[in-house]
Amino acid sequence: MIRVVIENILLFLLPTLAYILFMLVRRRQNANTSVQQIFDDAPIVWLLAAGAVVMIAGLAYFGSVTGGKPGEQYQPPVYKDGKIVPGQRK
């Protein structure tokens, strides 16, 4: 469960992290810009909206491509007779 929460948080923060990285690289070219000024000039609403869109797209993608059929059970890999029997859905 914690993996799902961490994935969603990272997907939500991805546009903000990309913006910060871009601005820090750009700041090297313009040395008189401070880090505080980068955060003050950040388009917070647009970054939050972009984060929400990326998170919803990620949820839709992972919800449609993972998992089995309804009622199907997953049997994890087991060690039998000196061999590993792969996991399967039943």
N, C-alpha and C. Protein backbone atom coordinates (compact mmCIF):
# COMPACT_ATOMS: atom_id res chain seq x y z
N MET A 1 0.82 -1.20 0.00
CA MET A 1 0.00 0.00 0.00
C MET A 1 0.87 1.26 0.00
N ILE A 2 1.96 1.22 0.75
CA ILE A 2 2.82 2.40 0.83
C ILE A 2 3.44 2.70 -0.54
N ARG A 3 3.67 1.65 -1.34
CA ARG A 3 4.23 1.85 -2.68
C ARG A 3 3.27 2.67 -3.54
N VAL A 4 1.99 2.40 -3.43
CA VAL A 4 1.00 3.13 -4.22
C VAL A 4 0.98 4.60 -3.80
N VAL A 5 1.06 4.84 -2.50
CA VAL A 5 1.06 6.22 -2.00
C VAL A 5 2.30 6.96 -2.48
N ILE A 6 3.45 6.32 -2.39
CA ILE A 6 4.70 6.96 -2.82
C ILE A 6 4.68 7.23 -4.33
N GLU A 7 4.17 6.27 -5.11
CA GLU A 7 4.07 6.49 -6.56
C GLU A 7 3.19 7.69 -6.87
N ASN A 8 2.06 7.81 -6.19
CA ASN A 8 1.15 8.93 -6.44
C ASN A 8 1.77 10.26 -6.03
N ILE A 9 2.47 10.27 -4.92
CA ILE A 9 3.13 11.51 -4.49
C ILE A 9 4.20 11.91 -5.50
N LEU A 10 5.00 10.94 -5.95
CA LEU A 10 6.04 11.25 -6.94
C LEU A 10 5.45 11.71 -8.26
N LEU A 11 4.36 11.08 -8.71
CA LEU A 11 3.71 11.52 -9.94
C LEU A 11 3.16 12.93 -9.79
N PHE A 12 2.63 13.24 -8.61
CA PHE A 12 2.07 14.57 -8.37
C PHE A 12 3.17 15.63 -8.35
N LEU A 13 4.33 15.29 -7.78
CA LEU A 13 5.42 16.25 -7.66
C LEU A 13 6.32 16.32 -8.89
N LEU A 14 6.16 15.42 -9.83
CA LEU A 14 7.03 15.36 -11.00
C LEU A 14 7.12 16.67 -11.78
N PRO A 15 6.02 17.35 -12.10
CA PRO A 15 6.14 18.63 -12.81
C PRO A 15 6.89 19.70 -12.00
N THR A 16 6.66 19.72 -10.70
CA THR A 16 7.35 20.70 -9.85
C THR A 16 8.84 20.41 -9.80
N LEU A 17 9.20 19.14 -9.66
CA LEU A 17 10.62 18.77 -9.64
C LEU A 17 11.29 19.09 -10.97
N ALA A 18 10.60 18.85 -12.07
CA ALA A 18 11.15 19.18 -13.39
C ALA A 18 11.34 20.69 -13.52
N TYR A 19 10.38 21.47 -13.03
CA TYR A 19 10.48 22.93 -13.09
C TYR A 19 11.67 23.42 -12.26
N ILE A 20 11.81 22.90 -11.05
CA ILE A 20 12.91 23.32 -10.18
C ILE A 20 14.25 22.96 -10.82
N LEU A 21 14.37 21.75 -11.37
CA LEU A 21 15.61 21.35 -12.03
C LEU A 21 15.91 22.25 -13.22
N PHE A 22 14.90 22.53 -14.03
CA PHE A 22 15.08 23.41 -15.18
C PHE A 22 15.54 24.80 -14.73
N MET A 23 14.91 25.33 -13.70
CA MET A 23 15.27 26.68 -13.23
C MET A 23 16.66 26.72 -12.61
N LEU A 24 17.05 25.65 -11.93
CA LEU A 24 18.40 25.62 -11.35
C LEU A 24 19.46 25.56 -12.45
N VAL A 25 19.19 24.81 -13.51
CA VAL A 25 20.13 24.76 -14.64
C VAL A 25 20.18 26.12 -15.32
N ARG A 26 19.02 26.73 -15.48
CA ARG A 26 18.95 28.05 -16.11
C ARG A 26 19.60 29.13 -15.24
N ARG A 27 19.54 28.93 -13.93
CA ARG A 27 20.12 29.90 -13.00
C ARG A 27 21.64 29.98 -13.18
N ARG A 28 22.25 28.88 -13.57
CA ARG A 28 23.70 28.90 -13.79
C ARG A 28 24.07 29.90 -14.88
N GLN A 29 23.18 30.06 -15.84
CA GLN A 29 23.43 31.02 -16.92
C GLN A 29 23.22 32.45 -16.43
N ASN A 30 22.28 32.64 -15.52
CA ASN A 30 21.97 33.96 -14.99
C ASN A 30 22.32 33.94 -13.50
N ALA A 31 23.55 34.27 -13.15
CA ALA A 31 24.07 34.08 -11.80
C ALA A 31 23.43 34.98 -10.75
N ASN A 32 22.75 36.05 -11.14
CA ASN A 32 22.20 36.96 -10.14
C ASN A 32 20.80 36.56 -9.66
N THR A 33 20.31 35.38 -10.04
CA THR A 33 19.01 34.90 -9.60
C THR A 33 19.18 34.01 -8.37
N SER A 34 18.44 34.30 -7.30
CA SER A 34 18.54 33.49 -6.09
C SER A 34 17.52 32.36 -6.12
N VAL A 35 17.75 31.35 -5.28
CA VAL A 35 16.83 30.22 -5.18
C VAL A 35 15.47 30.70 -4.68
N GLN A 36 15.47 31.62 -3.73
CA GLN A 36 14.20 32.15 -3.22
C GLN A 36 13.41 32.84 -4.33
N GLN A 37 14.10 33.54 -5.20
CA GLN A 37 13.42 34.21 -6.31
C GLN A 37 12.81 33.19 -7.28
N ILE A 38 13.48 32.06 -7.46
CA ILE A 38 12.93 31.00 -8.31
C ILE A 38 11.61 30.51 -7.74
N PHE A 39 11.57 30.28 -6.43
CA PHE A 39 10.34 29.80 -5.80
C PHE A 39 9.26 30.87 -5.77
N ASP A 40 9.65 32.13 -5.61
CA ASP A 40 8.67 33.21 -5.60
C ASP A 40 8.03 33.41 -6.98
N ASP A 41 8.79 33.18 -8.03
CA ASP A 41 8.29 33.37 -9.40
C ASP A 41 7.64 32.11 -9.98
N ALA A 42 7.62 31.02 -9.22
CA ALA A 42 7.09 29.76 -9.74
C ALA A 42 5.58 29.84 -9.97
N PRO A 43 5.12 29.27 -11.07
CA PRO A 43 3.67 29.23 -11.36
C PRO A 43 3.01 28.09 -10.57
N ILE A 44 2.79 28.31 -9.29
CA ILE A 44 2.33 27.25 -8.39
C ILE A 44 1.03 26.60 -8.86
N VAL A 45 0.06 27.41 -9.26
CA VAL A 45 -1.24 26.84 -9.68
C VAL A 45 -1.07 25.93 -10.88
N TRP A 46 -0.27 26.36 -11.86
CA TRP A 46 -0.06 25.53 -13.04
C TRP A 46 0.73 24.26 -12.71
N LEU A 47 1.68 24.36 -11.80
CA LEU A 47 2.43 23.18 -11.40
C LEU A 47 1.54 22.19 -10.67
N LEU A 48 0.66 22.68 -9.80
CA LEU A 48 -0.28 21.80 -9.10
C LEU A 48 -1.25 21.15 -10.07
N ALA A 49 -1.75 21.93 -11.02
CA ALA A 49 -2.67 21.38 -12.02
C ALA A 49 -1.97 20.32 -12.88
N ALA A 50 -0.75 20.61 -13.30
CA ALA A 50 0.00 19.63 -14.10
C ALA A 50 0.28 18.37 -13.29
N GLY A 51 0.60 18.54 -12.01
CA GLY A 51 0.82 17.39 -11.13
C GLY A 51 -0.42 16.54 -10.99
N ALA A 52 -1.58 17.20 -10.85
CA ALA A 52 -2.84 16.46 -10.74
C ALA A 52 -3.13 15.69 -12.03
N VAL A 53 -2.88 16.30 -13.18
CA VAL A 53 -3.11 15.62 -14.46
C VAL A 53 -2.19 14.42 -14.60
N VAL A 54 -0.91 14.58 -14.26
CA VAL A 54 0.04 13.47 -14.36
C VAL A 54 -0.35 12.34 -13.40
N MET A 55 -0.77 12.70 -12.19
CA MET A 55 -1.16 11.69 -11.21
C MET A 55 -2.41 10.93 -11.68
N ILE A 56 -3.41 11.63 -12.19
CA ILE A 56 -4.62 10.97 -12.67
C ILE A 56 -4.31 10.08 -13.87
N ALA A 57 -3.45 10.55 -14.77
CA ALA A 57 -3.05 9.73 -15.92
C ALA A 57 -2.31 8.48 -15.45
N GLY A 58 -1.45 8.63 -14.46
CA GLY A 58 -0.74 7.47 -13.91
C GLY A 58 -1.68 6.48 -13.26
N LEU A 59 -2.64 6.98 -12.50
CA LEU A 59 -3.62 6.09 -11.88
C LEU A 59 -4.44 5.35 -12.94
N ALA A 60 -4.85 6.07 -13.97
CA ALA A 60 -5.63 5.44 -15.04
C ALA A 60 -4.80 4.37 -15.76
N TYR A 61 -3.54 4.67 -16.01
CA TYR A 61 -2.67 3.71 -16.69
C TYR A 61 -2.46 2.46 -15.84
N PHE A 62 -2.03 2.66 -14.58
CA PHE A 62 -1.75 1.51 -13.72
C PHE A 62 -3.02 0.73 -13.40
N GLY A 63 -4.15 1.40 -13.34
CA GLY A 63 -5.40 0.71 -13.08
C GLY A 63 -5.87 -0.13 -14.24
N SER A 64 -5.46 0.21 -15.45
CA SER A 64 -5.92 -0.53 -16.62
C SER A 64 -4.97 -1.63 -17.07
N VAL A 65 -3.71 -1.58 -16.69
CA VAL A 65 -2.76 -2.57 -17.20
C VAL A 65 -2.30 -3.58 -16.16
N THR A 66 -2.59 -3.38 -14.89
CA THR A 66 -2.12 -4.31 -13.88
C THR A 66 -3.30 -5.05 -13.27
N GLY A 67 -3.00 -6.18 -12.68
CA GLY A 67 -4.03 -6.93 -11.99
C GLY A 67 -4.62 -8.02 -12.87
N GLY A 68 -5.39 -8.87 -12.21
CA GLY A 68 -6.02 -9.97 -12.93
C GLY A 68 -7.50 -9.72 -13.11
N LYS A 69 -8.18 -10.77 -13.50
CA LYS A 69 -9.63 -10.70 -13.71
C LYS A 69 -10.33 -10.71 -12.36
N PRO A 70 -11.55 -10.21 -12.30
CA PRO A 70 -12.30 -10.24 -11.05
C PRO A 70 -12.47 -11.68 -10.55
N GLY A 71 -12.22 -11.88 -9.27
CA GLY A 71 -12.34 -13.20 -8.66
C GLY A 71 -11.10 -14.07 -8.82
N GLU A 72 -10.15 -13.63 -9.60
CA GLU A 72 -8.93 -14.39 -9.83
C GLU A 72 -8.00 -14.20 -8.64
N GLN A 73 -7.33 -15.28 -8.23
CA GLN A 73 -6.40 -15.21 -7.10
C GLN A 73 -4.98 -15.42 -7.60
N TYR A 74 -4.05 -14.73 -6.94
CA TYR A 74 -2.63 -14.87 -7.29
C TYR A 74 -1.98 -15.83 -6.33
N GLN A 75 -1.28 -16.82 -6.87
CA GLN A 75 -0.53 -17.76 -6.06
C GLN A 75 0.95 -17.42 -6.23
N PRO A 76 1.63 -16.99 -5.16
CA PRO A 76 3.03 -16.57 -5.29
C PRO A 76 3.95 -17.75 -5.59
N PRO A 77 5.18 -17.47 -6.03
CA PRO A 77 6.14 -18.54 -6.30
C PRO A 77 6.42 -19.35 -5.02
N VAL A 78 6.61 -20.65 -5.19
CA VAL A 78 6.91 -21.52 -4.05
C VAL A 78 8.13 -22.38 -4.39
N TYR A 79 8.79 -22.85 -3.35
CA TYR A 79 9.95 -23.70 -3.48
C TYR A 79 9.50 -25.14 -3.21
N LYS A 80 9.45 -25.99 -4.27
CA LYS A 80 9.00 -27.38 -4.14
C LYS A 80 10.03 -28.31 -4.76
N ASP A 81 10.39 -29.33 -4.03
CA ASP A 81 11.28 -30.38 -4.52
C ASP A 81 12.57 -29.82 -5.13
N GLY A 82 13.13 -28.81 -4.50
CA GLY A 82 14.39 -28.24 -4.96
C GLY A 82 14.27 -27.31 -6.15
N LYS A 83 13.06 -26.99 -6.55
CA LYS A 83 12.85 -26.09 -7.68
C LYS A 83 11.88 -24.99 -7.27
N ILE A 84 12.01 -23.85 -7.93
CA ILE A 84 11.09 -22.75 -7.70
C ILE A 84 9.98 -22.83 -8.74
N VAL A 85 8.76 -22.98 -8.24
CA VAL A 85 7.59 -23.00 -9.12
C VAL A 85 7.11 -21.57 -9.26
N PRO A 86 7.04 -21.03 -10.49
CA PRO A 86 6.68 -19.62 -10.66
C PRO A 86 5.26 -19.33 -10.17
N GLY A 87 5.05 -18.08 -9.83
CA GLY A 87 3.73 -17.64 -9.41
C GLY A 87 2.75 -17.67 -10.57
N GLN A 88 1.48 -17.80 -10.23
CA GLN A 88 0.47 -17.85 -11.28
C GLN A 88 -0.86 -17.33 -10.74
N ARG A 89 -1.73 -16.99 -11.67
CA ARG A 89 -3.08 -16.55 -11.30
C ARG A 89 -4.04 -17.70 -11.55
N LYS A 90 -4.91 -17.92 -10.58
CA LYS A 90 -5.91 -19.00 -10.71
C LYS A 90 -7.28 -18.43 -10.50
